[in-house]
Amino acid sequence: MNQYFSTRKCRWQFLLEAFYFFQEARNTSCGHCDNCIKKEKFLEITVQELRK
């Protein structure tokens, strides 16, 4: 449980790997979990800063 809560990767990807679905987990991102949303917002801010 601690690993699930402390991971920075997509939570869906983490669960797939936990149940040995490594092929399905490769390059997977749900886009809905807190980690995916944080990453997306970070990328938006970074791109906006680069455009200035």
PDB file of N, CA and C in Angstrom:
ATOM      1  N   MET A   1       0.824  -1.189   0.000  1.00  0.00           N
ATOM      2  CA  MET A   1       0.000   0.000   0.000  1.00  0.00           C
ATOM      3  C   MET A   1       0.868   1.252   0.000  1.00  0.00           C
ATOM      4  N   ASN A   2       1.935   1.240   0.786  1.00  0.00           N
ATOM      5  CA  ASN A   2       2.799   2.420   0.845  1.00  0.00           C
ATOM      6  C   ASN A   2       3.404   2.733  -0.516  1.00  0.00           C
ATOM      7  N   GLN A   3       3.786   1.716  -1.259  1.00  0.00           N
ATOM      8  CA  GLN A   3       4.348   1.940  -2.593  1.00  0.00           C
ATOM      9  C   GLN A   3       3.311   2.549  -3.520  1.00  0.00           C
ATOM     10  N   TYR A   4       2.078   2.107  -3.420  1.00  0.00           N
ATOM     11  CA  TYR A   4       1.004   2.648  -4.258  1.00  0.00           C
ATOM     12  C   TYR A   4       0.810   4.132  -3.978  1.00  0.00           C
ATOM     13  N   PHE A   5       0.792   4.493  -2.717  1.00  0.00           N
ATOM     14  CA  PHE A   5       0.552   5.889  -2.358  1.00  0.00           C
ATOM     15  C   PHE A   5       1.748   6.789  -2.632  1.00  0.00           C
ATOM     16  N   SER A   6       2.941   6.231  -2.644  1.00  0.00           N
ATOM     17  CA  SER A   6       4.126   7.068  -2.825  1.00  0.00           C
ATOM     18  C   SER A   6       4.647   7.087  -4.264  1.00  0.00           C
ATOM     19  N   THR A   7       4.051   6.296  -5.154  1.00  0.00           N
ATOM     20  CA  THR A   7       4.535   6.258  -6.534  1.00  0.00           C
ATOM     21  C   THR A   7       4.238   7.569  -7.254  1.00  0.00           C
ATOM     22  N   ARG A   8       5.114   7.905  -8.200  1.00  0.00           N
ATOM     23  CA  ARG A   8       4.903   9.092  -9.027  1.00  0.00           C
ATOM     24  C   ARG A   8       4.402   8.727 -10.413  1.00  0.00           C
ATOM     25  N   LYS A   9       4.369   7.435 -10.702  1.00  0.00           N
ATOM     26  CA  LYS A   9       3.881   6.998 -12.008  1.00  0.00           C
ATOM     27  C   LYS A   9       2.363   6.878 -11.960  1.00  0.00           C
ATOM     28  N   CYS A  10       1.781   6.671 -13.109  1.00  0.00           N
ATOM     29  CA  CYS A  10       0.338   6.489 -13.221  1.00  0.00           C
ATOM     30  C   CYS A  10      -0.113   5.365 -12.284  1.00  0.00           C
ATOM     31  N   ARG A  11      -1.172   5.616 -11.543  1.00  0.00           N
ATOM     32  CA  ARG A  11      -1.650   4.604 -10.587  1.00  0.00           C
ATOM     33  C   ARG A  11      -2.161   3.362 -11.317  1.00  0.00           C
ATOM     34  N   TRP A  12      -2.778   3.539 -12.480  1.00  0.00           N
ATOM     35  CA  TRP A  12      -3.245   2.391 -13.250  1.00  0.00           C
ATOM     36  C   TRP A  12      -2.056   1.560 -13.713  1.00  0.00           C
ATOM     37  N   GLN A  13      -1.013   2.213 -14.170  1.00  0.00           N
ATOM     38  CA  GLN A  13       0.200   1.513 -14.594  1.00  0.00           C
ATOM     39  C   GLN A  13       0.782   0.742 -13.412  1.00  0.00           C
ATOM     40  N   PHE A  14       0.811   1.350 -12.250  1.00  0.00           N
ATOM     41  CA  PHE A  14       1.337   0.695 -11.057  1.00  0.00           C
ATOM     42  C   PHE A  14       0.545  -0.576 -10.744  1.00  0.00           C
ATOM     43  N   LEU A  15      -0.781  -0.502 -10.815  1.00  0.00           N
ATOM     44  CA  LEU A  15      -1.612  -1.671 -10.527  1.00  0.00           C
ATOM     45  C   LEU A  15      -1.418  -2.771 -11.565  1.00  0.00           C
ATOM     46  N   LEU A  16      -1.317  -2.397 -12.816  1.00  0.00           N
ATOM     47  CA  LEU A  16      -1.066  -3.410 -13.847  1.00  0.00           C
ATOM     48  C   LEU A  16       0.236  -4.149 -13.575  1.00  0.00           C
ATOM     49  N   GLU A  17       1.267  -3.412 -13.232  1.00  0.00           N
ATOM     50  CA  GLU A  17       2.557  -4.041 -12.937  1.00  0.00           C
ATOM     51  C   GLU A  17       2.477  -4.901 -11.677  1.00  0.00           C
ATOM     52  N   ALA A  18       1.709  -4.474 -10.697  1.00  0.00           N
ATOM     53  CA  ALA A  18       1.576  -5.243  -9.453  1.00  0.00           C
ATOM     54  C   ALA A  18       0.956  -6.616  -9.709  1.00  0.00           C
ATOM     55  N   PHE A  19       0.098  -6.686 -10.741  1.00  0.00           N
ATOM     56  CA  PHE A  19      -0.546  -7.956 -11.083  1.00  0.00           C
ATOM     57  C   PHE A  19       0.104  -8.615 -12.299  1.00  0.00           C
ATOM     58  N   TYR A  20       1.360  -8.231 -12.570  1.00  0.00           N
ATOM     59  CA  TYR A  20       2.204  -8.863 -13.586  1.00  0.00           C
ATOM     60  C   TYR A  20       1.712  -8.683 -15.023  1.00  0.00           C
ATOM     61  N   PHE A  21       1.015  -7.602 -15.291  1.00  0.00           N
ATOM     62  CA  PHE A  21       0.624  -7.261 -16.656  1.00  0.00           C
ATOM     63  C   PHE A  21       1.634  -6.249 -17.198  1.00  0.00           C
ATOM     64  N   PHE A  22       2.877  -6.676 -17.321  1.00  0.00           N
ATOM     65  CA  PHE A  22       3.959  -5.765 -17.699  1.00  0.00           C
ATOM     66  C   PHE A  22       3.811  -5.247 -19.129  1.00  0.00           C
ATOM     67  N   GLN A  23       3.397  -6.102 -20.038  1.00  0.00           N
ATOM     68  CA  GLN A  23       3.236  -5.683 -21.434  1.00  0.00           C
ATOM     69  C   GLN A  23       2.163  -4.598 -21.541  1.00  0.00           C
ATOM     70  N   GLU A  24       1.046  -4.796 -20.854  1.00  0.00           N
ATOM     71  CA  GLU A  24      -0.039  -3.822 -20.898  1.00  0.00           C
ATOM     72  C   GLU A  24       0.332  -2.527 -20.194  1.00  0.00           C
ATOM     73  N   ALA A  25       1.179  -2.626 -19.193  1.00  0.00           N
ATOM     74  CA  ALA A  25       1.570  -1.460 -18.405  1.00  0.00           C
ATOM     75  C   ALA A  25       2.583  -0.575 -19.127  1.00  0.00           C
ATOM     76  N   ARG A  26       3.270  -1.132 -20.103  1.00  0.00           N
ATOM     77  CA  ARG A  26       4.303  -0.374 -20.815  1.00  0.00           C
ATOM     78  C   ARG A  26       3.688   0.838 -21.497  1.00  0.00           C
ATOM     79  N   ASN A  27       4.228   2.001 -21.200  1.00  0.00           N
ATOM     80  CA  ASN A  27       3.787   3.272 -21.790  1.00  0.00           C
ATOM     81  C   ASN A  27       2.308   3.553 -21.571  1.00  0.00           C
ATOM     82  N   THR A  28       1.761   3.065 -20.464  1.00  0.00           N
ATOM     83  CA  THR A  28       0.359   3.292 -20.148  1.00  0.00           C
ATOM     84  C   THR A  28       0.222   4.504 -19.247  1.00  0.00           C
ATOM     85  N   SER A  29      -0.743   5.306 -19.548  1.00  0.00           N
ATOM     86  CA  SER A  29      -1.068   6.459 -18.724  1.00  0.00           C
ATOM     87  C   SER A  29      -2.575   6.666 -18.811  1.00  0.00           C
ATOM     88  N   CYS A  30      -3.260   6.617 -17.684  1.00  0.00           N
ATOM     89  CA  CYS A  30      -4.721   6.699 -17.705  1.00  0.00           C
ATOM     90  C   CYS A  30      -5.213   8.119 -17.987  1.00  0.00           C
ATOM     91  N   GLY A  31      -4.440   9.118 -17.528  1.00  0.00           N
ATOM     92  CA  GLY A  31      -4.852  10.497 -17.728  1.00  0.00           C
ATOM     93  C   GLY A  31      -5.887  10.980 -16.735  1.00  0.00           C
ATOM     94  N   HIS A  32      -6.256  10.134 -15.782  1.00  0.00           N
ATOM     95  CA  HIS A  32      -7.313  10.488 -14.837  1.00  0.00           C
ATOM     96  C   HIS A  32      -6.878  10.475 -13.375  1.00  0.00           C
ATOM     97  N   CYS A  33      -5.831   9.736 -13.057  1.00  0.00           N
ATOM     98  CA  CYS A  33      -5.407   9.659 -11.652  1.00  0.00           C
ATOM     99  C   CYS A  33      -4.685  10.948 -11.255  1.00  0.00           C
ATOM    100  N   ASP A  34      -4.460  11.120  -9.981  1.00  0.00           N
ATOM    101  CA  ASP A  34      -3.830  12.349  -9.487  1.00  0.00           C
ATOM    102  C   ASP A  34      -2.436  12.552 -10.072  1.00  0.00           C
ATOM    103  N   ASN A  35      -1.684  11.487 -10.251  1.00  0.00           N
ATOM    104  CA  ASN A  35      -0.327  11.618 -10.800  1.00  0.00           C
ATOM    105  C   ASN A  35      -0.353  12.041 -12.263  1.00  0.00           C
ATOM    106  N   CYS A  36      -1.262  11.488 -13.043  1.00  0.00           N
ATOM    107  CA  CYS A  36      -1.363  11.880 -14.448  1.00  0.00           C
ATOM    108  C   CYS A  36      -1.806  13.332 -14.572  1.00  0.00           C
ATOM    109  N   ILE A  37      -2.735  13.749 -13.743  1.00  0.00           N
ATOM    110  CA  ILE A  37      -3.222  15.126 -13.792  1.00  0.00           C
ATOM    111  C   ILE A  37      -2.116  16.093 -13.395  1.00  0.00           C
ATOM    112  N   LYS A  38      -1.355  15.760 -12.356  1.00  0.00           N
ATOM    113  CA  LYS A  38      -0.236  16.611 -11.946  1.00  0.00           C
ATOM    114  C   LYS A  38       0.787  16.740 -13.063  1.00  0.00           C
ATOM    115  N   LYS A  39       1.107  15.622 -13.705  1.00  0.00           N
ATOM    116  CA  LYS A  39       2.101  15.627 -14.769  1.00  0.00           C
ATOM    117  C   LYS A  39       1.610  16.475 -15.944  1.00  0.00           C
ATOM    118  N   GLU A  40       0.328  16.346 -16.272  1.00  0.00           N
ATOM    119  CA  GLU A  40      -0.230  17.105 -17.390  1.00  0.00           C
ATOM    120  C   GLU A  40      -0.207  18.608 -17.094  1.00  0.00           C
ATOM    121  N   LYS A  41      -0.579  18.986 -15.876  1.00  0.00           N
ATOM    122  CA  LYS A  41      -0.561  20.403 -15.512  1.00  0.00           C
ATOM    123  C   LYS A  41       0.862  20.946 -15.503  1.00  0.00           C
ATOM    124  N   PHE A  42       1.815  20.151 -15.039  1.00  0.00           N
ATOM    125  CA  PHE A  42       3.210  20.566 -15.033  1.00  0.00           C
ATOM    126  C   PHE A  42       3.698  20.817 -16.450  1.00  0.00           C
ATOM    127  N   LEU A  43       3.343  19.917 -17.367  1.00  0.00           N
ATOM    128  CA  LEU A  43       3.755  20.074 -18.753  1.00  0.00           C
ATOM    129  C   LEU A  43       3.129  21.309 -19.388  1.00  0.00           C
ATOM    130  N   GLU A  44       1.869  21.596 -19.058  1.00  0.00           N
ATOM    131  CA  GLU A  44       1.207  22.786 -19.582  1.00  0.00           C
ATOM    132  C   GLU A  44       1.919  24.048 -19.120  1.00  0.00           C
ATOM    133  N   ILE A  45       2.248  24.094 -17.833  1.00  0.00           N
ATOM    134  CA  ILE A  45       2.929  25.262 -17.281  1.00  0.00           C
ATOM    135  C   ILE A  45       4.305  25.410 -17.918  1.00  0.00           C
ATOM    136  N   THR A  46       5.017  24.319 -18.066  1.00  0.00           N
ATOM    137  CA  THR A  46       6.356  24.355 -18.666  1.00  0.00           C
ATOM    138  C   THR A  46       6.304  24.860 -20.103  1.00  0.00           C
ATOM    139  N   VAL A  47       5.350  24.377 -20.887  1.00  0.00           N
ATOM    140  CA  VAL A  47       5.219  24.805 -22.274  1.00  0.00           C
ATOM    141  C   VAL A  47       4.876  26.290 -22.329  1.00  0.00           C
ATOM    142  N   GLN A  48       4.005  26.743 -21.462  1.00  0.00           N
ATOM    143  CA  GLN A  48       3.631  28.157 -21.433  1.00  0.00           C
ATOM    144  C   GLN A  48       4.839  29.023 -21.101  1.00  0.00           C
ATOM    145  N   GLU A  49       5.661  28.580 -20.173  1.00  0.00           N
ATOM    146  CA  GLU A  49       6.849  29.339 -19.801  1.00  0.00           C
ATOM    147  C   GLU A  49       7.854  29.394 -20.955  1.00  0.00           C
ATOM    148  N   LEU A  50       7.972  28.308 -21.694  1.00  0.00           N
ATOM    149  CA  LEU A  50       8.905  28.271 -22.815  1.00  0.00           C
ATOM    150  C   LEU A  50       8.467  29.178 -23.960  1.00  0.00           C
ATOM    151  N   ARG A  51       7.171  29.382 -24.085  1.00  0.00           N
ATOM    152  CA  ARG A  51       6.646  30.222 -25.169  1.00  0.00           C
ATOM    153  C   ARG A  51       6.843  31.701 -24.893  1.00  0.00           C
ATOM    154  N   LYS A  52       7.126  32.065 -23.665  1.00  0.00           N
ATOM    155  CA  LYS A  52       7.299  33.490 -23.322  1.00  0.00           C
ATOM    156  C   LYS A  52       8.571  34.055 -23.871  1.00  0.00           C
TER     157      LYS A  52
END
